[in-house]
Amino acid sequence: MKFIVVSAFLLVLAVSSLAAPSGNGQPGCATSQEIETVLYRNLWDPTAYWKCTELKVPASAGRCPDEEAFQDSVKKCVPWDQWTWEPLKAPPSVPKA
């Protein structure tokens, strides 16, 4: 029985890791869509975001004011009591290594 529970847990963990985007969400700022959207969620820190201002120029990091977090659906910082978890989404492009 213990083997089945552990196996099920490992299977769920493996599937969820495949569905989640990798990296911290920094966009590559390589598409016009990224320049139009401007702000992107930092996937590792809900109080931070990425900002694209110019094509092919690395995104700059931004931080929300104290007591706020970045809400991806509205593309702005909101008070923590209004913030809700949203599924992680990868940006259209990623920075080139």
PDB file of N, CA and C in Angstrom:
ATOM      1  N   MET A   1       0.823  -1.198   0.000  1.00  0.00           N
ATOM      2  CA  MET A   1       0.000   0.000   0.000  1.00  0.00           C
ATOM      3  C   MET A   1       0.864   1.258   0.000  1.00  0.00           C
ATOM      4  N   LYS A   2       1.902   1.238   0.824  1.00  0.00           N
ATOM      5  CA  LYS A   2       2.797   2.390   0.905  1.00  0.00           C
ATOM      6  C   LYS A   2       3.464   2.645  -0.451  1.00  0.00           C
ATOM      7  N   PHE A   3       3.828   1.568  -1.142  1.00  0.00           N
ATOM      8  CA  PHE A   3       4.450   1.678  -2.458  1.00  0.00           C
ATOM      9  C   PHE A   3       3.514   2.382  -3.443  1.00  0.00           C
ATOM     10  N   ILE A   4       2.235   2.065  -3.400  1.00  0.00           N
ATOM     11  CA  ILE A   4       1.256   2.665  -4.315  1.00  0.00           C
ATOM     12  C   ILE A   4       1.118   4.161  -4.040  1.00  0.00           C
ATOM     13  N   VAL A   5       1.057   4.546  -2.790  1.00  0.00           N
ATOM     14  CA  VAL A   5       0.925   5.964  -2.430  1.00  0.00           C
ATOM     15  C   VAL A   5       2.160   6.733  -2.882  1.00  0.00           C
ATOM     16  N   VAL A   6       3.338   6.198  -2.616  1.00  0.00           N
ATOM     17  CA  VAL A   6       4.578   6.860  -3.022  1.00  0.00           C
ATOM     18  C   VAL A   6       4.660   6.939  -4.546  1.00  0.00           C
ATOM     19  N   SER A   7       4.301   5.888  -5.234  1.00  0.00           N
ATOM     20  CA  SER A   7       4.325   5.879  -6.698  1.00  0.00           C
ATOM     21  C   SER A   7       3.359   6.915  -7.267  1.00  0.00           C
ATOM     22  N   ALA A   8       2.174   7.002  -6.709  1.00  0.00           N
ATOM     23  CA  ALA A   8       1.191   7.987  -7.168  1.00  0.00           C
ATOM     24  C   ALA A   8       1.705   9.403  -6.951  1.00  0.00           C
ATOM     25  N   PHE A   9       2.304   9.646  -5.803  1.00  0.00           N
ATOM     26  CA  PHE A   9       2.868  10.968  -5.512  1.00  0.00           C
ATOM     27  C   PHE A   9       3.957  11.327  -6.518  1.00  0.00           C
ATOM     28  N   LEU A  10       4.843  10.406  -6.802  1.00  0.00           N
ATOM     29  CA  LEU A  10       5.921  10.657  -7.757  1.00  0.00           C
ATOM     30  C   LEU A  10       5.385  10.891  -9.168  1.00  0.00           C
ATOM     31  N   LEU A  11       4.344  10.185  -9.537  1.00  0.00           N
ATOM     32  CA  LEU A  11       3.727  10.374 -10.846  1.00  0.00           C
ATOM     33  C   LEU A  11       3.117  11.774 -10.955  1.00  0.00           C
ATOM     34  N   VAL A  12       2.392  12.196  -9.941  1.00  0.00           N
ATOM     35  CA  VAL A  12       1.789  13.542  -9.938  1.00  0.00           C
ATOM     36  C   VAL A  12       2.882  14.595  -9.996  1.00  0.00           C
ATOM     37  N   LEU A  13       3.944  14.424  -9.239  1.00  0.00           N
ATOM     38  CA  LEU A  13       5.059  15.364  -9.239  1.00  0.00           C
ATOM     39  C   LEU A  13       5.706  15.445 -10.619  1.00  0.00           C
ATOM     40  N   ALA A  14       5.912  14.329 -11.260  1.00  0.00           N
ATOM     41  CA  ALA A  14       6.527  14.303 -12.591  1.00  0.00           C
ATOM     42  C   ALA A  14       5.653  14.999 -13.626  1.00  0.00           C
ATOM     43  N   VAL A  15       4.367  14.720 -13.602  1.00  0.00           N
ATOM     44  CA  VAL A  15       3.443  15.337 -14.563  1.00  0.00           C
ATOM     45  C   VAL A  15       3.357  16.837 -14.347  1.00  0.00           C
ATOM     46  N   SER A  16       3.290  17.283 -13.095  1.00  0.00           N
ATOM     47  CA  SER A  16       3.184  18.715 -12.827  1.00  0.00           C
ATOM     48  C   SER A  16       4.461  19.453 -13.217  1.00  0.00           C
ATOM     49  N   SER A  17       5.605  18.818 -13.085  1.00  0.00           N
ATOM     50  CA  SER A  17       6.856  19.479 -13.474  1.00  0.00           C
ATOM     51  C   SER A  17       6.963  19.604 -14.987  1.00  0.00           C
ATOM     52  N   LEU A  18       6.350  18.692 -15.734  1.00  0.00           N
ATOM     53  CA  LEU A  18       6.357  18.797 -17.188  1.00  0.00           C
ATOM     54  C   LEU A  18       5.458  19.924 -17.675  1.00  0.00           C
ATOM     55  N   ALA A  19       4.388  20.198 -16.968  1.00  0.00           N
ATOM     56  CA  ALA A  19       3.435  21.219 -17.383  1.00  0.00           C
ATOM     57  C   ALA A  19       3.897  22.629 -17.026  1.00  0.00           C
ATOM     58  N   ALA A  20       4.730  22.776 -16.005  1.00  0.00           N
ATOM     59  CA  ALA A  20       5.166  24.096 -15.557  1.00  0.00           C
ATOM     60  C   ALA A  20       6.286  24.615 -16.447  1.00  0.00           C
ATOM     61  N   PRO A  21       6.254  25.918 -16.764  1.00  0.00           N
ATOM     62  CA  PRO A  21       7.347  26.480 -17.556  1.00  0.00           C
ATOM     63  C   PRO A  21       8.647  26.463 -16.758  1.00  0.00           C
ATOM     64  N   SER A  22       9.759  26.376 -17.456  1.00  0.00           N
ATOM     65  CA  SER A  22      11.041  26.398 -16.768  1.00  0.00           C
ATOM     66  C   SER A  22      11.563  27.831 -16.727  1.00  0.00           C
ATOM     67  N   GLY A  23      12.508  28.083 -15.860  1.00  0.00           N
ATOM     68  CA  GLY A  23      13.091  29.416 -15.746  1.00  0.00           C
ATOM     69  C   GLY A  23      12.273  30.326 -14.851  1.00  0.00           C
ATOM     70  N   ASN A  24      12.716  31.564 -14.752  1.00  0.00           N
ATOM     71  CA  ASN A  24      12.071  32.519 -13.853  1.00  0.00           C
ATOM     72  C   ASN A  24      11.052  33.407 -14.551  1.00  0.00           C
ATOM     73  N   GLY A  25      10.775  33.138 -15.817  1.00  0.00           N
ATOM     74  CA  GLY A  25       9.765  33.908 -16.539  1.00  0.00           C
ATOM     75  C   GLY A  25      10.306  35.120 -17.265  1.00  0.00           C
ATOM     76  N   GLN A  26      11.620  35.319 -17.231  1.00  0.00           N
ATOM     77  CA  GLN A  26      12.182  36.482 -17.924  1.00  0.00           C
ATOM     78  C   GLN A  26      11.954  36.353 -19.422  1.00  0.00           C
ATOM     79  N   PRO A  27      11.277  37.330 -20.024  1.00  0.00           N
ATOM     80  CA  PRO A  27      11.056  37.267 -21.466  1.00  0.00           C
ATOM     81  C   PRO A  27      12.324  37.651 -22.224  1.00  0.00           C
ATOM     82  N   GLY A  28      12.415  37.207 -23.462  1.00  0.00           N
ATOM     83  CA  GLY A  28      13.549  37.540 -24.298  1.00  0.00           C
ATOM     84  C   GLY A  28      13.420  38.905 -24.966  1.00  0.00           C
ATOM     85  N   CYS A  29      12.236  39.503 -24.878  1.00  0.00           N
ATOM     86  CA  CYS A  29      11.958  40.802 -25.530  1.00  0.00           C
ATOM     87  C   CYS A  29      12.323  40.726 -27.016  1.00  0.00           C
ATOM     88  N   ALA A  30      12.017  39.590 -27.629  1.00  0.00           N
ATOM     89  CA  ALA A  30      12.381  39.349 -29.020  1.00  0.00           C
ATOM     90  C   ALA A  30      11.194  39.430 -29.973  1.00  0.00           C
ATOM     91  N   THR A  31       9.990  39.656 -29.448  1.00  0.00           N
ATOM     92  CA  THR A  31       8.802  39.726 -30.297  1.00  0.00           C
ATOM     93  C   THR A  31       8.058  41.032 -30.041  1.00  0.00           C
ATOM     94  N   SER A  32       7.298  41.464 -31.035  1.00  0.00           N
ATOM     95  CA  SER A  32       6.513  42.694 -30.856  1.00  0.00           C
ATOM     96  C   SER A  32       5.448  42.492 -29.781  1.00  0.00           C
ATOM     97  N   GLN A  33       4.948  41.267 -29.630  1.00  0.00           N
ATOM     98  CA  GLN A  33       3.961  40.979 -28.579  1.00  0.00           C
ATOM     99  C   GLN A  33       4.536  41.293 -27.198  1.00  0.00           C
ATOM    100  N   GLU A  34       5.802  40.966 -26.973  1.00  0.00           N
ATOM    101  CA  GLU A  34       6.420  41.223 -25.668  1.00  0.00           C
ATOM    102  C   GLU A  34       6.575  42.719 -25.410  1.00  0.00           C
ATOM    103  N   ILE A  35       6.844  43.488 -26.446  1.00  0.00           N
ATOM    104  CA  ILE A  35       6.983  44.936 -26.286  1.00  0.00           C
ATOM    105  C   ILE A  35       5.615  45.559 -26.024  1.00  0.00           C
ATOM    106  N   GLU A  36       4.568  45.048 -26.660  1.00  0.00           N
ATOM    107  CA  GLU A  36       3.212  45.561 -26.452  1.00  0.00           C
ATOM    108  C   GLU A  36       2.677  45.195 -25.070  1.00  0.00           C
ATOM    109  N   THR A  37       2.955  43.975 -24.614  1.00  0.00           N
ATOM    110  CA  THR A  37       2.478  43.528 -23.307  1.00  0.00           C
ATOM    111  C   THR A  37       3.257  44.207 -22.188  1.00  0.00           C
ATOM    112  N   VAL A  38       4.521  44.422 -22.359  1.00  0.00           N
ATOM    113  CA  VAL A  38       5.463  45.122 -21.475  1.00  0.00           C
ATOM    114  C   VAL A  38       5.810  44.351 -20.204  1.00  0.00           C
ATOM    115  N   LEU A  39       4.836  44.033 -19.335  1.00  0.00           N
ATOM    116  CA  LEU A  39       5.130  43.430 -18.038  1.00  0.00           C
ATOM    117  C   LEU A  39       4.835  41.937 -18.021  1.00  0.00           C
ATOM    118  N   TYR A  40       5.757  41.182 -17.415  1.00  0.00           N
ATOM    119  CA  TYR A  40       5.624  39.736 -17.299  1.00  0.00           C
ATOM    120  C   TYR A  40       5.920  39.302 -15.874  1.00  0.00           C
ATOM    121  N   ARG A  41       5.194  38.344 -15.426  1.00  0.00           N
ATOM    122  CA  ARG A  41       5.343  37.811 -14.066  1.00  0.00           C
ATOM    123  C   ARG A  41       6.707  37.138 -13.876  1.00  0.00           C
ATOM    124  N   ASN A  42       7.332  37.391 -12.752  1.00  0.00           N
ATOM    125  CA  ASN A  42       8.512  36.637 -12.360  1.00  0.00           C
ATOM    126  C   ASN A  42       7.987  35.340 -11.761  1.00  0.00           C
ATOM    127  N   LEU A  43       8.337  34.219 -12.348  1.00  0.00           N
ATOM    128  CA  LEU A  43       7.762  32.937 -11.940  1.00  0.00           C
ATOM    129  C   LEU A  43       8.304  32.435 -10.611  1.00  0.00           C
ATOM    130  N   TRP A  44       9.386  33.018 -10.120  1.00  0.00           N
ATOM    131  CA  TRP A  44       9.969  32.591  -8.852  1.00  0.00           C
ATOM    132  C   TRP A  44       9.601  33.495  -7.690  1.00  0.00           C
ATOM    133  N   ASP A  45       9.137  34.712  -7.967  1.00  0.00           N
ATOM    134  CA  ASP A  45       8.882  35.698  -6.911  1.00  0.00           C
ATOM    135  C   ASP A  45       7.611  36.475  -7.233  1.00  0.00           C
ATOM    136  N   PRO A  46       6.527  36.281  -6.487  1.00  0.00           N
ATOM    137  CA  PRO A  46       5.277  36.966  -6.804  1.00  0.00           C
ATOM    138  C   PRO A  46       5.311  38.473  -6.559  1.00  0.00           C
ATOM    139  N   THR A  47       6.348  38.964  -5.899  1.00  0.00           N
ATOM    140  CA  THR A  47       6.453  40.414  -5.665  1.00  0.00           C
ATOM    141  C   THR A  47       7.297  41.092  -6.741  1.00  0.00           C
ATOM    142  N   ALA A  48       7.688  40.336  -7.779  1.00  0.00           N
ATOM    143  CA  ALA A  48       8.560  40.887  -8.819  1.00  0.00           C
ATOM    144  C   ALA A  48       7.971  40.627 -10.200  1.00  0.00           C
ATOM    145  N   TYR A  49       8.455  41.397 -11.165  1.00  0.00           N
ATOM    146  CA  TYR A  49       8.007  41.250 -12.546  1.00  0.00           C
ATOM    147  C   TYR A  49       9.151  41.622 -13.485  1.00  0.00           C
ATOM    148  N   TRP A  50       8.962  41.338 -14.772  1.00  0.00           N
ATOM    149  CA  TRP A  50       9.925  41.676 -15.812  1.00  0.00           C
ATOM    150  C   TRP A  50       9.298  42.720 -16.729  1.00  0.00           C
ATOM    151  N   LYS A  51      10.116  43.616 -17.262  1.00  0.00           N
ATOM    152  CA  LYS A  51       9.607  44.678 -18.130  1.00  0.00           C
ATOM    153  C   LYS A  51      10.401  44.721 -19.430  1.00  0.00           C
ATOM    154  N   CYS A  52       9.686  44.578 -20.554  1.00  0.00           N
ATOM    155  CA  CYS A  52      10.284  44.707 -21.888  1.00  0.00           C
ATOM    156  C   CYS A  52       9.986  46.116 -22.400  1.00  0.00           C
ATOM    157  N   THR A  53      11.028  46.828 -22.801  1.00  0.00           N
ATOM    158  CA  THR A  53      10.815  48.186 -23.308  1.00  0.00           C
ATOM    159  C   THR A  53      11.304  48.372 -24.733  1.00  0.00           C
ATOM    160  N   GLU A  54      12.201  47.462 -25.177  1.00  0.00           N
ATOM    161  CA  GLU A  54      12.772  47.607 -26.506  1.00  0.00           C
ATOM    162  C   GLU A  54      13.113  46.228 -27.072  1.00  0.00           C
ATOM    163  N   LEU A  55      12.854  46.044 -28.357  1.00  0.00           N
ATOM    164  CA  LEU A  55      13.163  44.762 -28.997  1.00  0.00           C
ATOM    165  C   LEU A  55      14.645  44.410 -28.853  1.00  0.00           C
ATOM    166  N   LYS A  56      14.889  43.148 -28.543  1.00  0.00           N
ATOM    167  CA  LYS A  56      16.229  42.571 -28.442  1.00  0.00           C
ATOM    168  C   LYS A  56      17.094  43.202 -27.346  1.00  0.00           C
ATOM    169  N   VAL A  57      16.458  43.916 -26.420  1.00  0.00           N
ATOM    170  CA  VAL A  57      17.152  44.450 -25.241  1.00  0.00           C
ATOM    171  C   VAL A  57      16.652  43.644 -24.047  1.00  0.00           C
ATOM    172  N   PRO A  58      17.564  43.125 -23.209  1.00  0.00           N
ATOM    173  CA  PRO A  58      17.123  42.285 -22.090  1.00  0.00           C
ATOM    174  C   PRO A  58      16.060  42.964 -21.222  1.00  0.00           C
ATOM    175  N   ALA A  59      15.125  42.166 -20.732  1.00  0.00           N
ATOM    176  CA  ALA A  59      14.079  42.677 -19.841  1.00  0.00           C
ATOM    177  C   ALA A  59      14.717  43.147 -18.536  1.00  0.00           C
ATOM    178  N   SER A  60      14.158  44.204 -17.976  1.00  0.00           N
ATOM    179  CA  SER A  60      14.648  44.684 -16.682  1.00  0.00           C
ATOM    180  C   SER A  60      13.732  44.157 -15.587  1.00  0.00           C
ATOM    181  N   ALA A  61      14.316  43.969 -14.415  1.00  0.00           N
ATOM    182  CA  ALA A  61      13.558  43.457 -13.277  1.00  0.00           C
ATOM    183  C   ALA A  61      12.871  44.624 -12.563  1.00  0.00           C
ATOM    184  N   GLY A  62      11.646  44.390 -12.131  1.00  0.00           N
ATOM    185  CA  GLY A  62      10.906  45.359 -11.340  1.00  0.00           C
ATOM    186  C   GLY A  62      10.386  44.698 -10.078  1.00  0.00           C
ATOM    187  N   ARG A  63      10.042  45.495  -9.097  1.00  0.00           N
ATOM    188  CA  ARG A  63       9.535  44.966  -7.832  1.00  0.00           C
ATOM    189  C   ARG A  63       8.312  45.779  -7.416  1.00  0.00           C
ATOM    190  N   CYS A  64       7.330  45.078  -6.887  1.00  0.00           N
ATOM    191  CA  CYS A  64       6.125  45.728  -6.379  1.00  0.00           C
ATOM    192  C   CYS A  64       6.446  46.461  -5.071  1.00  0.00           C
ATOM    193  N   PRO A  65       5.644  47.473  -4.737  1.00  0.00           N
ATOM    194  CA  PRO A  65       5.805  48.127  -3.436  1.00  0.00           C
ATOM    195  C   PRO A  65       5.561  47.126  -2.299  1.00  0.00           C
ATOM    196  N   ASP A  66       6.028  47.473  -1.115  1.00  0.00           N
ATOM    197  CA  ASP A  66       5.774  46.629   0.058  1.00  0.00           C
ATOM    198  C   ASP A  66       4.283  46.356   0.180  1.00  0.00           C
ATOM    199  N   GLU A  67       3.953  45.169   0.646  1.00  0.00           N
ATOM    200  CA  GLU A  67       2.565  44.738   0.864  1.00  0.00           C
ATOM    201  C   GLU A  67       1.783  44.509  -0.426  1.00  0.00           C
ATOM    202  N   GLU A  68       2.479  44.386  -1.572  1.00  0.00           N
ATOM    203  CA  GLU A  68       1.809  44.115  -2.836  1.00  0.00           C
ATOM    204  C   GLU A  68       2.508  42.985  -3.579  1.00  0.00           C
ATOM    205  N   ALA A  69       1.777  42.384  -4.531  1.00  0.00           N
ATOM    206  CA  ALA A  69       2.306  41.319  -5.379  1.00  0.00           C
ATOM    207  C   ALA A  69       1.838  41.559  -6.813  1.00  0.00           C
ATOM    208  N   PHE A  70       2.577  41.009  -7.776  1.00  0.00           N
ATOM    209  CA  PHE A  70       2.236  41.202  -9.183  1.00  0.00           C
ATOM    210  C   PHE A  70       1.146  40.229  -9.603  1.00  0.00           C
ATOM    211  N   GLN A  71       0.054  40.769 -10.119  1.00  0.00           N
ATOM    212  CA  GLN A  71      -1.066  39.952 -10.616  1.00  0.00           C
ATOM    213  C   GLN A  71      -0.986  39.934 -12.133  1.00  0.00           C
ATOM    214  N   ASP A  72      -0.639  38.779 -12.691  1.00  0.00           N
ATOM    215  CA  ASP A  72      -0.391  38.667 -14.125  1.00  0.00           C
ATOM    216  C   ASP A  72      -1.613  39.002 -14.970  1.00  0.00           C
ATOM    217  N   SER A  73      -2.797  38.635 -14.536  1.00  0.00           N
ATOM    218  CA  SER A  73      -3.997  38.854 -15.349  1.00  0.00           C
ATOM    219  C   SER A  73      -4.317  40.334 -15.565  1.00  0.00           C
ATOM    220  N   VAL A  74      -3.906  41.194 -14.651  1.00  0.00           N
ATOM    221  CA  VAL A  74      -4.151  42.633 -14.805  1.00  0.00           C
ATOM    222  C   VAL A  74      -2.867  43.404 -15.085  1.00  0.00           C
ATOM    223  N   LYS A  75      -1.722  42.677 -15.096  1.00  0.00           N
ATOM    224  CA  LYS A  75      -0.413  43.256 -15.415  1.00  0.00           C
ATOM    225  C   LYS A  75      -0.049  44.433 -14.522  1.00  0.00           C
ATOM    226  N   LYS A  76      -0.319  44.278 -13.215  1.00  0.00           N
ATOM    227  CA  LYS A  76       0.079  45.322 -12.270  1.00  0.00           C
ATOM    228  C   LYS A  76       0.180  44.737 -10.865  1.00  0.00           C
ATOM    229  N   CYS A  77       0.768  45.506  -9.984  1.00  0.00           N
ATOM    230  CA  CYS A  77       0.880  45.105  -8.587  1.00  0.00           C
ATOM    231  C   CYS A  77      -0.441  45.405  -7.878  1.00  0.00           C
ATOM    232  N   VAL A  78      -0.848  44.470  -7.031  1.00  0.00           N
ATOM    233  CA  VAL A  78      -2.084  44.627  -6.269  1.00  0.00           C
ATOM    234  C   VAL A  78      -1.797  44.302  -4.799  1.00  0.00           C
ATOM    235  N   PRO A  79      -2.617  44.813  -3.872  1.00  0.00           N
ATOM    236  CA  PRO A  79      -2.435  44.449  -2.461  1.00  0.00           C
ATOM    237  C   PRO A  79      -2.564  42.935  -2.278  1.00  0.00           C
ATOM    238  N   TRP A  80      -1.808  42.394  -1.314  1.00  0.00           N
ATOM    239  CA  TRP A  80      -1.816  40.949  -1.084  1.00  0.00           C
ATOM    240  C   TRP A  80      -3.217  40.394  -0.859  1.00  0.00           C
ATOM    241  N   ASP A  81      -4.098  41.148  -0.207  1.00  0.00           N
ATOM    242  CA  ASP A  81      -5.439  40.605   0.051  1.00  0.00           C
ATOM    243  C   ASP A  81      -6.291  40.522  -1.220  1.00  0.00           C
ATOM    244  N   GLN A  82      -5.843  41.143  -2.315  1.00  0.00           N
ATOM    245  CA  GLN A  82      -6.539  41.046  -3.601  1.00  0.00           C
ATOM    246  C   GLN A  82      -5.846  40.081  -4.563  1.00  0.00           C
ATOM    247  N   TRP A  83      -4.616  39.691  -4.230  1.00  0.00           N
ATOM    248  CA  TRP A  83      -3.834  38.815  -5.098  1.00  0.00           C
ATOM    249  C   TRP A  83      -4.366  37.394  -5.035  1.00  0.00           C
ATOM    250  N   THR A  84      -4.433  36.725  -6.188  1.00  0.00           N
ATOM    251  CA  THR A  84      -4.807  35.317  -6.236  1.00  0.00           C
ATOM    252  C   THR A  84      -3.803  34.576  -7.101  1.00  0.00           C
ATOM    253  N   TRP A  85      -3.604  33.301  -6.781  1.00  0.00           N
ATOM    254  CA  TRP A  85      -2.687  32.496  -7.562  1.00  0.00           C
ATOM    255  C   TRP A  85      -3.274  32.263  -8.948  1.00  0.00           C
ATOM    256  N   GLU A  86      -2.424  32.325  -9.950  1.00  0.00           N
ATOM    257  CA  GLU A  86      -2.821  32.035 -11.327  1.00  0.00           C
ATOM    258  C   GLU A  86      -1.832  31.031 -11.905  1.00  0.00           C
ATOM    259  N   PRO A  87      -2.270  30.207 -12.831  1.00  0.00           N
ATOM    260  CA  PRO A  87      -1.342  29.241 -13.437  1.00  0.00           C
ATOM    261  C   PRO A  87      -0.142  29.958 -14.063  1.00  0.00           C
ATOM    262  N   LEU A  88       1.012  29.337 -13.970  1.00  0.00           N
ATOM    263  CA  LEU A  88       2.225  29.921 -14.522  1.00  0.00           C
ATOM    264  C   LEU A  88       2.205  29.819 -16.036  1.00  0.00           C
ATOM    265  N   LYS A  89       2.631  30.897 -16.699  1.00  0.00           N
ATOM    266  CA  LYS A  89       2.697  30.910 -18.163  1.00  0.00           C
ATOM    267  C   LYS A  89       4.082  31.390 -18.585  1.00  0.00           C
ATOM    268  N   ALA A  90       4.672  30.696 -19.521  1.00  0.00           N
ATOM    269  CA  ALA A  90       5.968  31.102 -20.048  1.00  0.00           C
ATOM    270  C   ALA A  90       5.766  32.293 -21.008  1.00  0.00           C
ATOM    271  N   PRO A  91       6.733  33.204 -21.075  1.00  0.00           N
ATOM    272  CA  PRO A  91       6.632  34.312 -22.037  1.00  0.00           C
ATOM    273  C   PRO A  91       6.813  33.787 -23.460  1.00  0.00           C
ATOM    274  N   PRO A  92       6.483  34.600 -24.468  1.00  0.00           N
ATOM    275  CA  PRO A  92       6.620  34.145 -25.865  1.00  0.00           C
ATOM    276  C   PRO A  92       8.051  33.767 -26.257  1.00  0.00           C
ATOM    277  N   SER A  93       9.050  34.441 -25.690  1.00  0.00           N
ATOM    278  CA  SER A  93      10.441  34.084 -25.983  1.00  0.00           C
ATOM    279  C   SER A  93      11.238  34.131 -24.682  1.00  0.00           C
ATOM    280  N   VAL A  94      12.415  33.563 -24.713  1.00  0.00           N
ATOM    281  CA  VAL A  94      13.308  33.573 -23.538  1.00  0.00           C
ATOM    282  C   VAL A  94      14.635  34.174 -23.954  1.00  0.00           C
ATOM    283  N   PRO A  95      15.393  34.730 -22.984  1.00  0.00           N
ATOM    284  CA  PRO A  95      16.693  35.316 -23.337  1.00  0.00           C
ATOM    285  C   PRO A  95      17.632  34.262 -23.901  1.00  0.00           C
ATOM    286  N   LYS A  96      18.449  34.677 -24.841  1.00  0.00           N
ATOM    287  CA  LYS A  96      19.447  33.753 -25.399  1.00  0.00           C
ATOM    288  C   LYS A  96      20.627  33.693 -24.439  1.00  0.00           C
ATOM    289  N   ALA A  97      21.128  32.493 -24.262  1.00  0.00           N
ATOM    290  CA  ALA A  97      22.247  32.295 -23.309  1.00  0.00           C
ATOM    291  C   ALA A  97      23.537  32.847 -23.835  1.00  0.00           C
TER     292      ALA A  97
END
